[in-house]
Amino acid sequence: MDNFLFIAFPYIAVILAIGVGIYRHARRPYTYSSLSSEILENRKLFWGSVPFHFGLTLILLAHLLAALLPGVAGWFLGGQIRRLVLEVTGMALGLYTLFGLLVLIARRLVPRSLAHAVTSYMDGVLLFVLLIQVGSGIGIAIFDRWGGLWYLHTAVPWFWSLAVLHPDISTVAQLSPFVKLHFVTGFVVILLFPFSRLVHLVMFPIQYLWRPHQVVIWHRRPGKAGAYSREIIR
């Protein structure tokens, strides 16, 4: 089972994420967005989206930088005070992210609400998996102390072995089932990437920098001053 979960499944998830993602962009480019519901519930979305996106972005950056620069990460975690500060900061960011995620889930569970009406089956699956992922990460921070330190000696070598196509699960095979759950759900999120609204993460609207100006025309009802007004915007 470990061979499938930590060797085969990561490759399956990444290959599908890239392949199906490219196919979706080519065949259904207008679905390549977050399908924002901001116009429906702006205030509730703010209290969920901002903590979730900012918290999750910083946590992912910390994981990525530790994997790319293990020597620097090891130096930071080598001092007791620095290690404590980083662990507390990571736990705070995890709780911050969890708060935002719970708000995003709650707003979609309200019966007969606009957000509930536009929630798809895939939205529900994605939010559930993200809840497991974030919750297990917080659980690791609480119950498996100094996770940042042992992460460098377990997950990072495993990630690099997958990247160089010589998978070695010896460093993660002996970890607790709770930690393994966190790793596996991370790749489940990657697997769901091309099938969900997560695809907006790779869309950067840089074309707006050179897109020509648009003329937007508002038509007014008869009897109002002026037949219409127009404004040039980007």
C-alpha atoms as a PDB file:
ATOM      1  CA  MET A   1       0.000   0.000   0.000  1.00  0.00           C
ATOM      2  CA  ASP A   2       2.843   2.403   0.830  1.00  0.00           C
ATOM      3  CA  ASN A   3       4.332   1.836  -2.620  1.00  0.00           C
ATOM      4  CA  PHE A   4       1.080   2.901  -4.244  1.00  0.00           C
ATOM      5  CA  LEU A   5       0.380   5.868  -1.944  1.00  0.00           C
ATOM      6  CA  PHE A   6       3.901   7.298  -1.945  1.00  0.00           C
ATOM      7  CA  ILE A   7       5.242   6.256  -5.361  1.00  0.00           C
ATOM      8  CA  ALA A   8       2.500   5.576  -7.886  1.00  0.00           C
ATOM      9  CA  PHE A   9      -0.167   7.968  -6.606  1.00  0.00           C
ATOM     10  CA  PRO A  10       2.020  11.119  -6.603  1.00  0.00           C
ATOM     11  CA  TYR A  11       2.985  10.501 -10.240  1.00  0.00           C
ATOM     12  CA  ILE A  12      -0.640   9.816 -11.199  1.00  0.00           C
ATOM     13  CA  ALA A  13      -1.767  13.028  -9.502  1.00  0.00           C
ATOM     14  CA  VAL A  14       0.869  15.217 -11.138  1.00  0.00           C
ATOM     15  CA  ILE A  15       0.444  13.703 -14.621  1.00  0.00           C
ATOM     16  CA  LEU A  16      -3.342  14.152 -14.496  1.00  0.00           C
ATOM     17  CA  ALA A  17      -3.009  17.680 -13.126  1.00  0.00           C
ATOM     18  CA  ILE A  18      -0.786  18.700 -16.031  1.00  0.00           C
ATOM     19  CA  GLY A  19      -2.445  16.686 -18.792  1.00  0.00           C
ATOM     20  CA  VAL A  20      -6.077  17.348 -17.950  1.00  0.00           C
ATOM     21  CA  GLY A  21      -5.228  20.946 -17.068  1.00  0.00           C
ATOM     22  CA  ILE A  22      -3.787  21.566 -20.540  1.00  0.00           C
ATOM     23  CA  TYR A  23      -6.737  19.790 -22.189  1.00  0.00           C
ATOM     24  CA  ARG A  24      -9.262  21.853 -20.231  1.00  0.00           C
ATOM     25  CA  HIS A  25      -7.502  25.089 -21.110  1.00  0.00           C
ATOM     26  CA  ALA A  26      -7.483  24.152 -24.789  1.00  0.00           C
ATOM     27  CA  ARG A  27     -11.067  22.906 -25.007  1.00  0.00           C
ATOM     28  CA  ARG A  28     -12.854  24.967 -22.355  1.00  0.00           C
ATOM     29  CA  PRO A  29     -10.762  28.086 -21.772  1.00  0.00           C
ATOM     30  CA  TYR A  30     -13.606  30.117 -20.293  1.00  0.00           C
ATOM     31  CA  THR A  31     -13.880  27.689 -17.368  1.00  0.00           C
ATOM     32  CA  TYR A  32     -10.280  28.418 -16.388  1.00  0.00           C
ATOM     33  CA  SER A  33     -11.204  30.725 -13.530  1.00  0.00           C
ATOM     34  CA  SER A  34     -12.161  30.650  -9.869  1.00  0.00           C
ATOM     35  CA  LEU A  35     -15.838  31.156 -10.803  1.00  0.00           C
ATOM     36  CA  SER A  36     -15.947  33.850  -8.136  1.00  0.00           C
ATOM     37  CA  SER A  37     -19.122  34.279  -6.094  1.00  0.00           C
ATOM     38  CA  GLU A  38     -18.035  37.667  -4.764  1.00  0.00           C
ATOM     39  CA  ILE A  39     -21.041  39.358  -6.367  1.00  0.00           C
ATOM     40  CA  LEU A  40     -23.324  37.085  -4.326  1.00  0.00           C
ATOM     41  CA  GLU A  41     -21.934  37.523  -0.796  1.00  0.00           C
ATOM     42  CA  ASN A  42     -19.068  39.974  -0.736  1.00  0.00           C
ATOM     43  CA  ARG A  43     -18.748  40.386   3.043  1.00  0.00           C
ATOM     44  CA  LYS A  44     -18.925  36.692   3.955  1.00  0.00           C
ATOM     45  CA  LEU A  45     -16.565  35.820   1.125  1.00  0.00           C
ATOM     46  CA  PHE A  46     -14.057  38.406   2.385  1.00  0.00           C
ATOM     47  CA  TRP A  47     -13.830  36.876   5.861  1.00  0.00           C
ATOM     48  CA  GLY A  48     -13.314  33.440   4.367  1.00  0.00           C
ATOM     49  CA  SER A  49     -11.257  34.090   1.262  1.00  0.00           C
ATOM     50  CA  VAL A  50      -8.661  36.480   2.674  1.00  0.00           C
ATOM     51  CA  PRO A  51      -7.569  34.351   5.676  1.00  0.00           C
ATOM     52  CA  PHE A  52      -7.667  31.166   3.610  1.00  0.00           C
ATOM     53  CA  HIS A  53      -5.668  32.462   0.652  1.00  0.00           C
ATOM     54  CA  PHE A  54      -3.084  34.431   2.637  1.00  0.00           C
ATOM     55  CA  GLY A  55      -2.592  31.731   5.253  1.00  0.00           C
ATOM     56  CA  LEU A  56      -2.372  28.907   2.751  1.00  0.00           C
ATOM     57  CA  THR A  57      -0.007  30.829   0.463  1.00  0.00           C
ATOM     58  CA  LEU A  58       2.458  31.495   3.290  1.00  0.00           C
ATOM     59  CA  ILE A  59       2.298  27.885   4.481  1.00  0.00           C
ATOM     60  CA  LEU A  60       2.926  26.543   0.978  1.00  0.00           C
ATOM     61  CA  LEU A  61       5.833  28.956   0.515  1.00  0.00           C
ATOM     62  CA  ALA A  62       7.372  27.731   3.776  1.00  0.00           C
ATOM     63  CA  HIS A  63       7.057  24.104   2.628  1.00  0.00           C
ATOM     64  CA  LEU A  64       8.470  24.916  -0.806  1.00  0.00           C
ATOM     65  CA  LEU A  65      11.410  26.986   0.443  1.00  0.00           C
ATOM     66  CA  ALA A  66      12.333  24.297   2.957  1.00  0.00           C
ATOM     67  CA  ALA A  67      12.350  21.715   0.145  1.00  0.00           C
ATOM     68  CA  LEU A  68      14.387  23.905  -2.211  1.00  0.00           C
ATOM     69  CA  LEU A  69      16.781  25.279   0.416  1.00  0.00           C
ATOM     70  CA  PRO A  70      17.087  22.564   3.076  1.00  0.00           C
ATOM     71  CA  GLY A  71      20.423  23.931   4.296  1.00  0.00           C
ATOM     72  CA  VAL A  72      18.989  27.372   5.009  1.00  0.00           C
ATOM     73  CA  ALA A  73      15.888  25.848   6.588  1.00  0.00           C
ATOM     74  CA  GLY A  74      18.079  23.608   8.736  1.00  0.00           C
ATOM     75  CA  TRP A  75      20.006  26.651   9.998  1.00  0.00           C
ATOM     76  CA  PHE A  76      16.784  28.446  10.938  1.00  0.00           C
ATOM     77  CA  LEU A  77      15.493  25.389  12.741  1.00  0.00           C
ATOM     78  CA  GLY A  78      18.838  24.684  14.392  1.00  0.00           C
ATOM     79  CA  GLY A  79      18.413  27.310  17.090  1.00  0.00           C
ATOM     80  CA  GLN A  80      15.906  26.617  19.838  1.00  0.00           C
ATOM     81  CA  ILE A  81      14.425  30.135  19.850  1.00  0.00           C
ATOM     82  CA  ARG A  82      14.231  30.344  16.053  1.00  0.00           C
ATOM     83  CA  ARG A  83      12.679  26.885  15.906  1.00  0.00           C
ATOM     84  CA  LEU A  84      10.074  27.827  18.507  1.00  0.00           C
ATOM     85  CA  VAL A  85       9.205  31.055  16.692  1.00  0.00           C
ATOM     86  CA  LEU A  86       8.806  29.245  13.372  1.00  0.00           C
ATOM     87  CA  GLU A  87       6.693  26.480  14.921  1.00  0.00           C
ATOM     88  CA  VAL A  88       4.367  28.955  16.647  1.00  0.00           C
ATOM     89  CA  THR A  89       4.123  31.048  13.485  1.00  0.00           C
ATOM     90  CA  GLY A  90       3.294  27.975  11.418  1.00  0.00           C
ATOM     91  CA  MET A  91       0.601  26.901  13.866  1.00  0.00           C
ATOM     92  CA  ALA A  92      -0.902  30.405  13.869  1.00  0.00           C
ATOM     93  CA  LEU A  93      -0.978  30.441  10.079  1.00  0.00           C
ATOM     94  CA  GLY A  94      -2.619  27.013  10.087  1.00  0.00           C
ATOM     95  CA  LEU A  95      -5.357  28.193  12.450  1.00  0.00           C
ATOM     96  CA  TYR A  96      -5.769  31.375  10.382  1.00  0.00           C
ATOM     97  CA  THR A  97      -6.186  29.266   7.249  1.00  0.00           C
ATOM     98  CA  LEU A  98      -8.599  26.903   8.982  1.00  0.00           C
ATOM     99  CA  PHE A  99     -10.775  29.828  10.097  1.00  0.00           C
ATOM    100  CA  GLY A 100     -11.027  31.103   6.539  1.00  0.00           C
ATOM    101  CA  LEU A 101     -11.777  27.637   5.193  1.00  0.00           C
ATOM    102  CA  LEU A 102     -14.546  27.074   7.740  1.00  0.00           C
ATOM    103  CA  VAL A 103     -16.125  30.389   6.767  1.00  0.00           C
ATOM    104  CA  LEU A 104     -15.992  29.400   3.082  1.00  0.00           C
ATOM    105  CA  ILE A 105     -17.625  26.063   3.902  1.00  0.00           C
ATOM    106  CA  ALA A 106     -20.273  27.568   6.182  1.00  0.00           C
ATOM    107  CA  ARG A 107     -21.427  30.119   3.613  1.00  0.00           C
ATOM    108  CA  ARG A 108     -22.066  27.327   1.113  1.00  0.00           C
ATOM    109  CA  LEU A 109     -23.984  25.165   3.587  1.00  0.00           C
ATOM    110  CA  VAL A 110     -26.711  27.706   4.323  1.00  0.00           C
ATOM    111  CA  PRO A 111     -29.924  26.358   2.736  1.00  0.00           C
ATOM    112  CA  ARG A 112     -31.492  28.507   0.017  1.00  0.00           C
ATOM    113  CA  SER A 113     -28.515  30.888   0.007  1.00  0.00           C
ATOM    114  CA  LEU A 114     -27.057  32.130  -3.265  1.00  0.00           C
ATOM    115  CA  ALA A 115     -23.678  30.531  -2.497  1.00  0.00           C
ATOM    116  CA  HIS A 116     -25.385  27.202  -1.805  1.00  0.00           C
ATOM    117  CA  ALA A 117     -27.276  27.408  -5.094  1.00  0.00           C
ATOM    118  CA  VAL A 118     -24.094  27.770  -7.169  1.00  0.00           C
ATOM    119  CA  THR A 119     -22.062  25.183  -5.238  1.00  0.00           C
ATOM    120  CA  SER A 120     -21.184  22.184  -7.374  1.00  0.00           C
ATOM    121  CA  TYR A 121     -20.421  18.614  -6.339  1.00  0.00           C
ATOM    122  CA  MET A 122     -16.738  19.209  -7.079  1.00  0.00           C
ATOM    123  CA  ASP A 123     -16.759  22.280  -4.825  1.00  0.00           C
ATOM    124  CA  GLY A 124     -17.973  20.096  -1.974  1.00  0.00           C
ATOM    125  CA  VAL A 125     -15.350  17.416  -2.598  1.00  0.00           C
ATOM    126  CA  LEU A 126     -12.562  19.987  -2.841  1.00  0.00           C
ATOM    127  CA  LEU A 127     -13.573  21.793   0.361  1.00  0.00           C
ATOM    128  CA  PHE A 128     -13.784  18.475   2.217  1.00  0.00           C
ATOM    129  CA  VAL A 129     -10.304  17.409   1.093  1.00  0.00           C
ATOM    130  CA  LEU A 130      -8.885  20.836   1.931  1.00  0.00           C
ATOM    131  CA  LEU A 131     -10.450  20.611   5.386  1.00  0.00           C
ATOM    132  CA  ILE A 132      -8.693  17.267   5.969  1.00  0.00           C
ATOM    133  CA  GLN A 133      -5.436  18.672   4.628  1.00  0.00           C
ATOM    134  CA  VAL A 134      -5.440  21.823   6.741  1.00  0.00           C
ATOM    135  CA  GLY A 135      -6.791  20.041   9.816  1.00  0.00           C
ATOM    136  CA  SER A 136      -4.181  17.291   9.642  1.00  0.00           C
ATOM    137  CA  GLY A 137      -1.455  19.905   9.231  1.00  0.00           C
ATOM    138  CA  ILE A 138      -2.587  21.651  12.399  1.00  0.00           C
ATOM    139  CA  GLY A 139      -2.793  18.290  14.165  1.00  0.00           C
ATOM    140  CA  ILE A 140       0.804  17.547  13.202  1.00  0.00           C
ATOM    141  CA  ALA A 141       1.901  20.943  14.516  1.00  0.00           C
ATOM    142  CA  ILE A 142       0.176  20.249  17.849  1.00  0.00           C
ATOM    143  CA  PHE A 143       0.861  16.552  18.441  1.00  0.00           C
ATOM    144  CA  ASP A 144       4.102  15.963  16.495  1.00  0.00           C
ATOM    145  CA  ARG A 145       6.379  18.664  17.822  1.00  0.00           C
ATOM    146  CA  TRP A 146       9.139  20.215  15.749  1.00  0.00           C
ATOM    147  CA  GLY A 147       7.529  19.045  12.531  1.00  0.00           C
ATOM    148  CA  GLY A 148       9.520  21.593  10.567  1.00  0.00           C
ATOM    149  CA  LEU A 149      12.741  19.926  11.664  1.00  0.00           C
ATOM    150  CA  TRP A 150      11.856  16.320  10.911  1.00  0.00           C
ATOM    151  CA  TYR A 151      10.151  17.448   7.692  1.00  0.00           C
ATOM    152  CA  LEU A 152      13.639  18.188   6.344  1.00  0.00           C
ATOM    153  CA  HIS A 153      14.776  14.622   6.985  1.00  0.00           C
ATOM    154  CA  THR A 154      11.654  12.733   5.912  1.00  0.00           C
ATOM    155  CA  ALA A 155       9.404  14.490   3.406  1.00  0.00           C
ATOM    156  CA  VAL A 156      12.077  16.541   1.630  1.00  0.00           C
ATOM    157  CA  PRO A 157      14.260  13.529   0.636  1.00  0.00           C
ATOM    158  CA  TRP A 158      11.106  11.720  -0.490  1.00  0.00           C
ATOM    159  CA  PHE A 159      10.000  14.704  -2.618  1.00  0.00           C
ATOM    160  CA  TRP A 160      13.426  14.920  -4.257  1.00  0.00           C
ATOM    161  CA  SER A 161      13.513  11.179  -4.931  1.00  0.00           C
ATOM    162  CA  LEU A 162      10.206  11.532  -6.780  1.00  0.00           C
ATOM    163  CA  ALA A 163      11.481  14.558  -8.699  1.00  0.00           C
ATOM    164  CA  VAL A 164      14.574  12.756  -9.982  1.00  0.00           C
ATOM    165  CA  LEU A 165      12.499   9.657 -10.876  1.00  0.00           C
ATOM    166  CA  HIS A 166      14.215   7.452  -8.310  1.00  0.00           C
ATOM    167  CA  PRO A 167      11.486   7.148  -5.683  1.00  0.00           C
ATOM    168  CA  ASP A 168      12.602   6.201  -2.193  1.00  0.00           C
ATOM    169  CA  ILE A 169       9.956   5.930   0.509  1.00  0.00           C
ATOM    170  CA  SER A 170      12.248   4.744   3.281  1.00  0.00           C
ATOM    171  CA  THR A 171      12.155   8.119   5.012  1.00  0.00           C
ATOM    172  CA  VAL A 172       8.352   8.330   5.119  1.00  0.00           C
ATOM    173  CA  ALA A 173       7.319   4.669   5.418  1.00  0.00           C
ATOM    174  CA  GLN A 174       7.783   4.651   9.209  1.00  0.00           C
ATOM    175  CA  LEU A 175       5.877   7.853   9.897  1.00  0.00           C
ATOM    176  CA  SER A 176       2.571   7.798  11.756  1.00  0.00           C
ATOM    177  CA  PRO A 177      -0.668   7.255   9.796  1.00  0.00           C
ATOM    178  CA  PHE A 178      -1.707  10.808  10.695  1.00  0.00           C
ATOM    179  CA  VAL A 179       1.353  12.274   8.976  1.00  0.00           C
ATOM    180  CA  LYS A 180       0.898   9.960   6.007  1.00  0.00           C
ATOM    181  CA  LEU A 181      -2.696  11.172   5.691  1.00  0.00           C
ATOM    182  CA  HIS A 182      -1.400  14.745   5.405  1.00  0.00           C
ATOM    183  CA  PHE A 183       1.004  13.767   2.639  1.00  0.00           C
ATOM    184  CA  VAL A 184      -1.559  11.767   0.679  1.00  0.00           C
ATOM    185  CA  THR A 185      -4.304  14.404   0.855  1.00  0.00           C
ATOM    186  CA  GLY A 186      -1.795  16.915  -0.454  1.00  0.00           C
ATOM    187  CA  PHE A 187      -1.526  14.888  -3.645  1.00  0.00           C
ATOM    188  CA  VAL A 188      -5.305  14.404  -3.691  1.00  0.00           C
ATOM    189  CA  VAL A 189      -5.590  18.199  -3.913  1.00  0.00           C
ATOM    190  CA  ILE A 190      -3.161  18.128  -6.846  1.00  0.00           C
ATOM    191  CA  LEU A 191      -5.250  15.366  -8.458  1.00  0.00           C
ATOM    192  CA  LEU A 192      -8.412  17.482  -8.133  1.00  0.00           C
ATOM    193  CA  PHE A 193      -6.661  20.546  -9.547  1.00  0.00           C
ATOM    194  CA  PRO A 194      -7.708  20.250 -13.226  1.00  0.00           C
ATOM    195  CA  PHE A 195     -11.270  19.218 -12.358  1.00  0.00           C
ATOM    196  CA  SER A 196     -12.040  22.083  -9.977  1.00  0.00           C
ATOM    197  CA  ARG A 197     -11.858  25.845  -9.645  1.00  0.00           C
ATOM    198  CA  LEU A 198      -8.268  25.497  -8.418  1.00  0.00           C
ATOM    199  CA  VAL A 199      -7.139  25.961 -12.022  1.00  0.00           C
ATOM    200  CA  HIS A 200      -7.306  29.723 -11.507  1.00  0.00           C
ATOM    201  CA  LEU A 201      -4.054  29.459  -9.532  1.00  0.00           C
ATOM    202  CA  VAL A 202      -2.049  29.205 -12.764  1.00  0.00           C
ATOM    203  CA  MET A 203      -3.870  31.984 -14.594  1.00  0.00           C
ATOM    204  CA  PHE A 204      -2.086  35.322 -14.469  1.00  0.00           C
ATOM    205  CA  PRO A 205      -3.942  37.994 -16.479  1.00  0.00           C
ATOM    206  CA  ILE A 206      -0.776  39.654 -17.777  1.00  0.00           C
ATOM    207  CA  GLN A 207      -2.518  40.230 -21.125  1.00  0.00           C
ATOM    208  CA  TYR A 208      -4.336  43.115 -19.472  1.00  0.00           C
ATOM    209  CA  LEU A 209      -1.062  45.057 -19.655  1.00  0.00           C
ATOM    210  CA  TRP A 210      -1.253  45.316 -23.452  1.00  0.00           C
ATOM    211  CA  ARG A 211      -4.973  44.787 -24.070  1.00  0.00           C
ATOM    212  CA  PRO A 212      -6.524  47.769 -25.920  1.00  0.00           C
ATOM    213  CA  HIS A 213      -8.958  50.039 -24.142  1.00  0.00           C
ATOM    214  CA  GLN A 214     -12.568  48.944 -24.024  1.00  0.00           C
ATOM    215  CA  VAL A 215     -15.536  51.232 -24.524  1.00  0.00           C
ATOM    216  CA  VAL A 216     -18.305  50.425 -22.051  1.00  0.00           C
ATOM    217  CA  ILE A 217     -21.745  51.877 -22.859  1.00  0.00           C
ATOM    218  CA  TRP A 218     -24.587  52.159 -20.380  1.00  0.00           C
ATOM    219  CA  HIS A 219     -28.051  52.473 -21.910  1.00  0.00           C
ATOM    220  CA  ARG A 220     -30.454  54.645 -19.948  1.00  0.00           C
ATOM    221  CA  ARG A 221     -34.227  54.510 -19.790  1.00  0.00           C
ATOM    222  CA  PRO A 222     -36.161  56.982 -21.929  1.00  0.00           C
ATOM    223  CA  GLY A 223     -36.786  60.286 -20.222  1.00  0.00           C
ATOM    224  CA  LYS A 224     -33.469  60.370 -18.423  1.00  0.00           C
ATOM    225  CA  ALA A 225     -30.906  62.979 -19.242  1.00  0.00           C
ATOM    226  CA  GLY A 226     -28.938  61.740 -22.243  1.00  0.00           C
ATOM    227  CA  ALA A 227     -29.540  58.656 -24.300  1.00  0.00           C
ATOM    228  CA  TYR A 228     -26.473  56.952 -22.886  1.00  0.00           C
ATOM    229  CA  SER A 229     -23.124  57.633 -21.326  1.00  0.00           C
ATOM    230  CA  ARG A 230     -19.842  55.957 -22.019  1.00  0.00           C
ATOM    231  CA  GLU A 231     -16.500  55.643 -20.358  1.00  0.00           C
ATOM    232  CA  ILE A 232     -13.164  54.335 -21.590  1.00  0.00           C
ATOM    233  CA  ILE A 233     -11.603  51.840 -19.205  1.00  0.00           C
ATOM    234  CA  ARG A 234      -8.955  49.161 -19.267  1.00  0.00           C
END
